[in-house]
């Protein structure tokens, strides 16, 4: 079995104002996801699956096929809104993808080995892929043991607005629960959830949608998506989140989830104003010799 990296790249970039997953940030025109795949390959991943929208699939294949496809086995899956509904009628008002859990579910026919999940527009750092890859190799035979790379909240925010993060309850190195907050902002030394009014310390552990999973998750994704559609399918903007699915599985006793600490500082393109920092950070890493100036030569 080949360790597989699933890259969620079907987002519409409403906060960013465009296709942030395909916005060049490297000195030779690389995207953030180029660096993620590069790091994953060096951590032992042998296959990458890109989850994209139908309207950007051709461009993705052309660009990524020309530079990444020569170095690692690649596959593409389209997150169409009609995918995996299994008889549920597509609501006429639905205009945006169903969310990260649905994006993972659409991979059910192409992923049959332990796999990691990441977002296309987040830079996670090489060590994050090392710990994920090692975990998948060490637990390949345990279908109910998952993991999450645990980031420190203060290392995952932007100065330009709110961010969506899954705030985690961790005990003895295991994830006990995770609650998705779609709008967290800095509030002095603490961080505030605008939607719930809760505050969190800067050292709170959060999910950056960086998971080590097994194919056993697909059966639960199918069942939970059916329940989600029955309860909320007619709401045009509600999303089916991967952290929420994992949280439900933990509470039902279906899986255990190790939290793998990572010292990496996140950076990404939540807002257009974030790009300058991303370009500067990538440039610094290139200057330090962490990456070649032209990643795929």
Protein backbone atom coordinates (compact mmCIF):
# COMPACT_ATOMS: atom_id res chain seq x y z
CA UNK A 1 0.00 0.00 0.00
CA UNK A 2 1.16 3.50 -0.81
CA UNK A 3 0.83 6.32 1.70
CA UNK A 4 -1.44 8.82 -0.04
CA UNK A 5 -1.74 12.58 0.37
CA UNK A 6 -5.22 13.99 -0.27
CA UNK A 7 -5.12 17.71 -1.07
CA UNK A 8 -8.40 19.59 -0.68
CA UNK A 9 -8.29 22.19 -3.45
CA UNK A 10 -11.93 22.79 -4.37
CA UNK A 11 -12.56 25.86 -2.21
CA UNK A 12 -13.92 29.00 -3.85
CA UNK A 13 -11.74 31.46 -1.88
CA UNK A 14 -14.55 33.79 -0.83
CA UNK A 15 -12.41 35.58 1.80
CA UNK A 16 -9.41 35.72 -0.52
CA UNK A 17 -11.31 36.92 -3.56
CA UNK A 18 -10.13 34.27 -6.01
CA UNK A 19 -8.39 30.94 -6.55
CA UNK A 20 -5.86 31.13 -3.75
CA UNK A 21 -4.89 27.47 -4.24
CA UNK A 22 -3.47 28.46 -7.66
CA UNK A 23 -1.88 31.80 -6.79
CA UNK A 24 1.93 31.73 -7.28
CA UNK A 25 4.00 32.45 -4.15
CA UNK A 26 7.37 30.82 -4.91
CA UNK A 27 10.33 32.35 -6.78
CA UNK A 28 9.62 30.17 -9.82
CA UNK A 29 5.86 30.44 -9.76
CA UNK A 30 5.18 27.66 -7.26
CA UNK A 31 1.91 27.44 -5.34
CA UNK A 32 1.74 26.65 -1.64
CA UNK A 33 0.58 23.15 -2.52
CA UNK A 34 3.77 22.58 -4.53
CA UNK A 35 5.74 22.89 -1.29
CA UNK A 36 3.31 20.62 0.56
CA UNK A 37 3.67 17.86 -2.05
CA UNK A 38 7.45 18.34 -2.12
CA UNK A 39 7.64 17.94 1.66
CA UNK A 40 5.24 14.99 1.64
CA UNK A 41 7.36 13.14 -0.92
CA UNK A 42 10.41 13.52 1.30
CA UNK A 43 8.37 12.17 4.20
CA UNK A 44 7.61 8.95 2.31
CA UNK A 45 4.31 9.69 0.59
CA UNK A 46 4.09 8.01 -2.80
CA UNK A 47 0.77 9.21 -4.21
CA UNK A 48 -1.22 12.45 -4.20
CA UNK A 49 -4.93 12.92 -4.88
CA UNK A 50 -6.13 16.44 -5.73
CA UNK A 51 -9.76 17.22 -4.93
CA UNK A 52 -10.81 20.03 -7.27
CA UNK A 53 -13.91 21.60 -8.78
CA UNK A 54 -14.94 20.65 -12.30
CA UNK A 55 -14.48 24.22 -13.56
CA UNK A 56 -10.79 24.31 -12.59
CA UNK A 57 -9.92 20.66 -13.27
CA UNK A 58 -8.42 21.23 -16.73
CA UNK A 59 -6.17 24.05 -15.51
CA UNK A 60 -5.13 22.01 -12.48
CA UNK A 61 -4.25 19.01 -14.62
CA UNK A 62 -2.30 21.11 -17.08
CA UNK A 63 -0.27 23.02 -14.49
CA UNK A 64 0.20 20.29 -11.89
CA UNK A 65 0.67 17.54 -14.48
CA UNK A 66 3.53 19.46 -16.02
CA UNK A 67 5.53 19.80 -12.82
CA UNK A 68 4.30 17.51 -10.03
CA UNK A 69 3.08 14.57 -12.08
CA UNK A 70 6.60 13.77 -13.25
CA UNK A 71 7.75 13.22 -9.65
CA UNK A 72 4.86 11.44 -7.90
CA UNK A 73 1.81 9.39 -8.85
CA UNK A 74 -1.18 11.73 -9.10
CA UNK A 75 -4.95 11.42 -9.34
CA UNK A 76 -7.77 13.95 -9.56
CA UNK A 77 -11.26 13.85 -8.08
CA UNK A 78 -13.95 16.46 -8.70
CA UNK A 79 -15.96 17.65 -5.72
CA UNK A 80 -19.19 18.18 -7.57
CA UNK A 81 -22.14 19.27 -5.47
CA UNK A 82 -24.12 16.28 -6.75
CA UNK A 83 -21.44 13.78 -5.68
CA UNK A 84 -22.19 11.23 -2.95
CA UNK A 85 -25.75 12.47 -2.38
CA UNK A 86 -26.91 8.86 -2.80
CA UNK A 87 -30.46 9.77 -3.80
CA UNK A 88 -30.81 13.07 -1.96
CA UNK A 89 -31.97 15.76 -4.41
CA UNK A 90 -29.50 18.59 -4.94
CA UNK A 91 -31.04 21.79 -3.54
CA UNK A 92 -31.52 24.41 -6.25
CA UNK A 93 -30.04 27.17 -4.06
CA UNK A 94 -26.79 25.33 -3.33
CA UNK A 95 -23.92 27.25 -4.99
CA UNK A 96 -20.83 26.37 -2.91
CA UNK A 97 -19.09 23.05 -2.15
CA UNK A 98 -20.47 21.04 0.78
CA UNK A 99 -17.28 21.34 2.88
CA UNK A 100 -14.12 19.49 3.85
CA UNK A 101 -15.80 16.26 4.98
CA UNK A 102 -17.65 15.99 1.67
CA UNK A 103 -14.37 16.74 -0.15
CA UNK A 104 -12.83 13.78 1.67
CA UNK A 105 -15.85 11.56 1.00
CA UNK A 106 -15.64 12.04 -2.78
CA UNK A 107 -12.29 10.22 -2.64
CA UNK A 108 -13.91 6.98 -1.47
CA UNK A 109 -13.43 5.23 -4.83
CA UNK A 110 -9.79 6.22 -5.36
CA UNK A 111 -8.24 5.92 -1.88
CA UNK A 112 -7.78 2.43 -0.45
CA UNK A 113 -4.68 2.91 1.71
CA UNK A 114 -3.73 4.99 4.77
CA UNK A 115 -3.83 8.65 3.81
CA UNK A 116 -3.22 12.17 5.04
CA UNK A 117 -5.54 15.11 4.36
CA UNK A 118 -4.43 18.73 3.99
CA UNK A 119 -5.74 22.00 2.60
CA UNK A 120 -4.20 23.26 -0.62
CA UNK A 121 -3.75 26.84 0.59
CA UNK A 122 -2.06 26.20 3.96
CA UNK A 123 1.70 25.88 4.46
CA UNK A 124 2.25 23.30 7.20
CA UNK A 125 6.03 22.85 7.34
CA UNK A 126 8.13 19.79 6.57
CA UNK A 127 8.02 18.36 10.09
CA UNK A 128 4.23 18.10 9.90
CA UNK A 129 4.48 15.68 6.98
CA UNK A 130 7.24 13.73 8.69
CA UNK A 131 5.10 13.01 11.76
CA UNK A 132 2.03 12.21 9.66
CA UNK A 133 3.95 9.88 7.38
CA UNK A 134 5.65 8.07 10.24
CA UNK A 135 2.32 7.59 12.01
CA UNK A 136 0.68 6.12 8.92
CA UNK A 137 3.56 3.69 8.44
CA UNK A 138 3.61 2.62 12.08
CA UNK A 139 -0.17 2.09 12.36
CA UNK A 140 -1.03 0.87 8.86
CA UNK A 141 -2.66 -2.30 10.23
CA UNK A 142 -4.85 -0.49 12.78
CA UNK A 143 -7.97 0.64 10.91
CA UNK A 144 -9.41 2.59 13.85
CA UNK A 145 -6.35 4.56 14.92
CA UNK A 146 -6.17 8.02 13.37
CA UNK A 147 -4.03 11.09 14.07
CA UNK A 148 -4.03 14.85 13.76
CA UNK A 149 -1.13 17.26 13.54
CA UNK A 150 -1.71 19.61 16.46
CA UNK A 151 -0.86 23.27 15.86
CA UNK A 152 -0.67 26.01 18.47
CA UNK A 153 -3.43 28.57 17.96
CA UNK A 154 -1.18 31.63 18.16
CA UNK A 155 0.89 30.17 15.29
CA UNK A 156 -2.12 29.86 12.99
CA UNK A 157 -3.75 33.29 12.83
CA UNK A 158 -3.57 36.19 10.39
CA UNK A 159 -3.40 39.90 11.07
CA UNK A 160 -5.96 40.57 8.36
CA UNK A 161 -9.16 39.06 9.76
CA UNK A 162 -10.73 35.98 11.27
CA UNK A 163 -9.78 32.35 10.59
CA UNK A 164 -11.63 29.04 10.80
CA UNK A 165 -10.05 26.57 13.21
CA UNK A 166 -11.05 23.39 15.00
CA UNK A 167 -10.30 23.98 18.70
CA UNK A 168 -9.23 20.72 20.32
CA UNK A 169 -9.62 19.05 23.70
CA UNK A 170 -6.48 16.95 24.15
CA UNK A 171 -5.79 14.60 27.05
CA UNK A 172 -2.75 12.34 27.43
CA UNK A 173 -1.83 12.86 23.79
CA UNK A 174 -5.23 11.86 22.46
CA UNK A 175 -7.95 13.97 20.90
CA UNK A 176 -11.06 13.93 23.11
CA UNK A 177 -13.08 16.40 21.07
CA UNK A 178 -12.82 19.15 18.47
CA UNK A 179 -15.21 22.02 17.80
CA UNK A 180 -15.08 23.89 14.51
CA UNK A 181 -15.08 27.68 14.90
CA UNK A 182 -15.48 29.54 11.61
CA UNK A 183 -14.40 33.00 12.83
CA UNK A 184 -11.55 33.28 15.38
CA UNK A 185 -9.80 36.60 15.83
CA UNK A 186 -6.94 37.84 18.02
CA UNK A 187 -8.11 39.55 21.23
CA UNK A 188 -4.95 40.73 22.93
CA UNK A 189 -3.14 37.74 24.40
CA UNK A 190 -6.23 35.59 23.91
CA UNK A 191 -8.27 34.59 20.89
CA UNK A 192 -12.00 34.98 20.47
CA UNK A 193 -14.61 32.97 18.59
CA UNK A 194 -16.85 35.60 17.04
CA UNK A 195 -19.69 33.15 16.44
CA UNK A 196 -19.80 31.68 19.97
CA UNK A 197 -18.23 34.39 22.12
CA UNK A 198 -15.71 31.96 23.64
CA UNK A 199 -12.08 32.89 24.24
CA UNK A 200 -9.01 30.66 24.04
CA UNK A 201 -5.39 30.98 25.17
CA UNK A 202 -2.69 31.29 22.56
CA UNK A 203 -1.34 27.83 23.34
CA UNK A 204 -4.66 26.10 22.63
CA UNK A 205 -4.25 23.17 20.23
CA UNK A 206 -6.13 23.54 16.97
CA UNK A 207 -6.81 21.43 13.92
CA UNK A 208 -5.55 22.81 10.64
CA UNK A 209 -7.34 20.06 8.73
CA UNK A 210 -4.13 18.03 8.83
CA UNK A 211 -5.16 14.43 9.43
CA UNK A 212 -3.72 10.92 9.19
CA UNK A 213 -6.69 8.69 8.38
CA UNK A 214 -7.55 5.17 7.28
CA UNK A 215 -10.04 4.05 4.61
CA UNK A 216 -12.35 2.99 7.43
CA UNK A 217 -13.48 6.62 7.68
CA UNK A 218 -15.43 6.46 4.43
CA UNK A 219 -18.27 4.36 5.89
CA UNK A 220 -18.73 6.89 8.70
CA UNK A 221 -18.51 9.80 6.28
CA UNK A 222 -21.30 8.28 4.20
CA UNK A 223 -23.57 7.77 7.22
CA UNK A 224 -22.87 11.17 8.73
CA UNK A 225 -23.33 12.95 5.40
CA UNK A 226 -26.74 11.34 5.01
CA UNK A 227 -27.64 12.63 8.48
CA UNK A 228 -26.24 16.06 7.68
CA UNK A 229 -28.34 16.28 4.52
CA UNK A 230 -31.48 15.23 6.35
CA UNK A 231 -30.93 17.88 9.03
CA UNK A 232 -29.33 20.76 7.12
CA UNK A 233 -29.30 19.99 3.41
CA UNK A 234 -31.69 22.80 2.52
CA UNK A 235 -29.51 25.48 4.12
CA UNK A 236 -27.54 26.93 1.18
CA UNK A 237 -24.37 27.90 3.06
CA UNK A 238 -24.01 25.28 5.80
CA UNK A 239 -20.94 23.03 5.47
CA UNK A 240 -20.09 19.43 6.37
CA UNK A 241 -16.78 19.73 8.27
CA UNK A 242 -14.17 16.98 8.59
CA UNK A 243 -13.29 17.86 12.23
CA UNK A 244 -16.96 17.48 13.15
CA UNK A 245 -17.06 14.00 11.60
CA UNK A 246 -13.96 12.93 13.52
CA UNK A 247 -15.35 14.40 16.73
CA UNK A 248 -18.52 12.32 16.30
CA UNK A 249 -16.51 9.16 15.65
CA UNK A 250 -14.48 9.73 18.83
CA UNK A 251 -17.59 10.24 20.92
CA UNK A 252 -19.15 7.07 19.50
CA UNK A 253 -16.03 5.08 20.35
CA UNK A 254 -15.35 4.22 16.71
CA UNK A 255 -11.77 5.55 16.61
CA UNK A 256 -8.93 6.93 18.66
CA UNK A 257 -7.03 9.97 17.41
CA UNK A 258 -3.43 10.66 18.41
CA UNK A 259 -2.41 14.33 18.50
CA UNK A 260 1.01 14.72 16.92
CA UNK A 261 2.67 17.93 18.12
CA UNK A 262 4.35 20.05 15.48
CA UNK A 263 6.54 23.10 16.15
CA UNK A 264 5.77 24.54 12.74
CA UNK A 265 4.29 27.99 12.31
CA UNK A 266 1.43 28.01 9.84
CA UNK A 267 1.09 30.55 7.13
CA UNK A 268 -1.44 30.68 4.35
CA UNK A 269 -3.61 32.79 2.11
CA UNK A 270 -6.85 33.29 3.96
CA UNK A 271 -7.00 36.89 2.71
CA UNK A 272 -5.39 38.62 -0.26
CA UNK A 273 -3.35 40.71 2.20
CA UNK A 274 -1.70 37.51 3.47
CA UNK A 275 0.11 36.88 0.20
CA UNK A 276 2.98 39.28 0.90
CA UNK A 277 3.85 37.40 4.09
CA UNK A 278 3.65 34.03 2.34
CA UNK A 279 5.96 35.18 -0.45
CA UNK A 280 8.42 36.55 2.13
CA UNK A 281 8.35 33.36 4.23
CA UNK A 282 8.87 31.14 1.20
CA UNK A 283 11.71 33.38 0.07
CA UNK A 284 13.35 33.10 3.46
CA UNK A 285 13.13 29.30 3.40
CA UNK A 286 14.63 29.24 -0.09
CA UNK A 287 17.46 31.55 1.00
CA UNK A 288 18.09 29.27 4.00
CA UNK A 289 18.46 26.27 1.70
CA UNK A 290 15.28 24.49 2.81
CA UNK A 291 13.95 24.50 -0.74
CA UNK A 292 15.58 24.94 -4.16
CA UNK A 293 14.81 28.13 -6.04
CA UNK A 294 13.06 26.13 -8.72
CA UNK A 295 11.28 23.38 -6.80
CA UNK A 296 10.79 20.79 -9.53
CA UNK A 297 13.97 21.03 -11.59
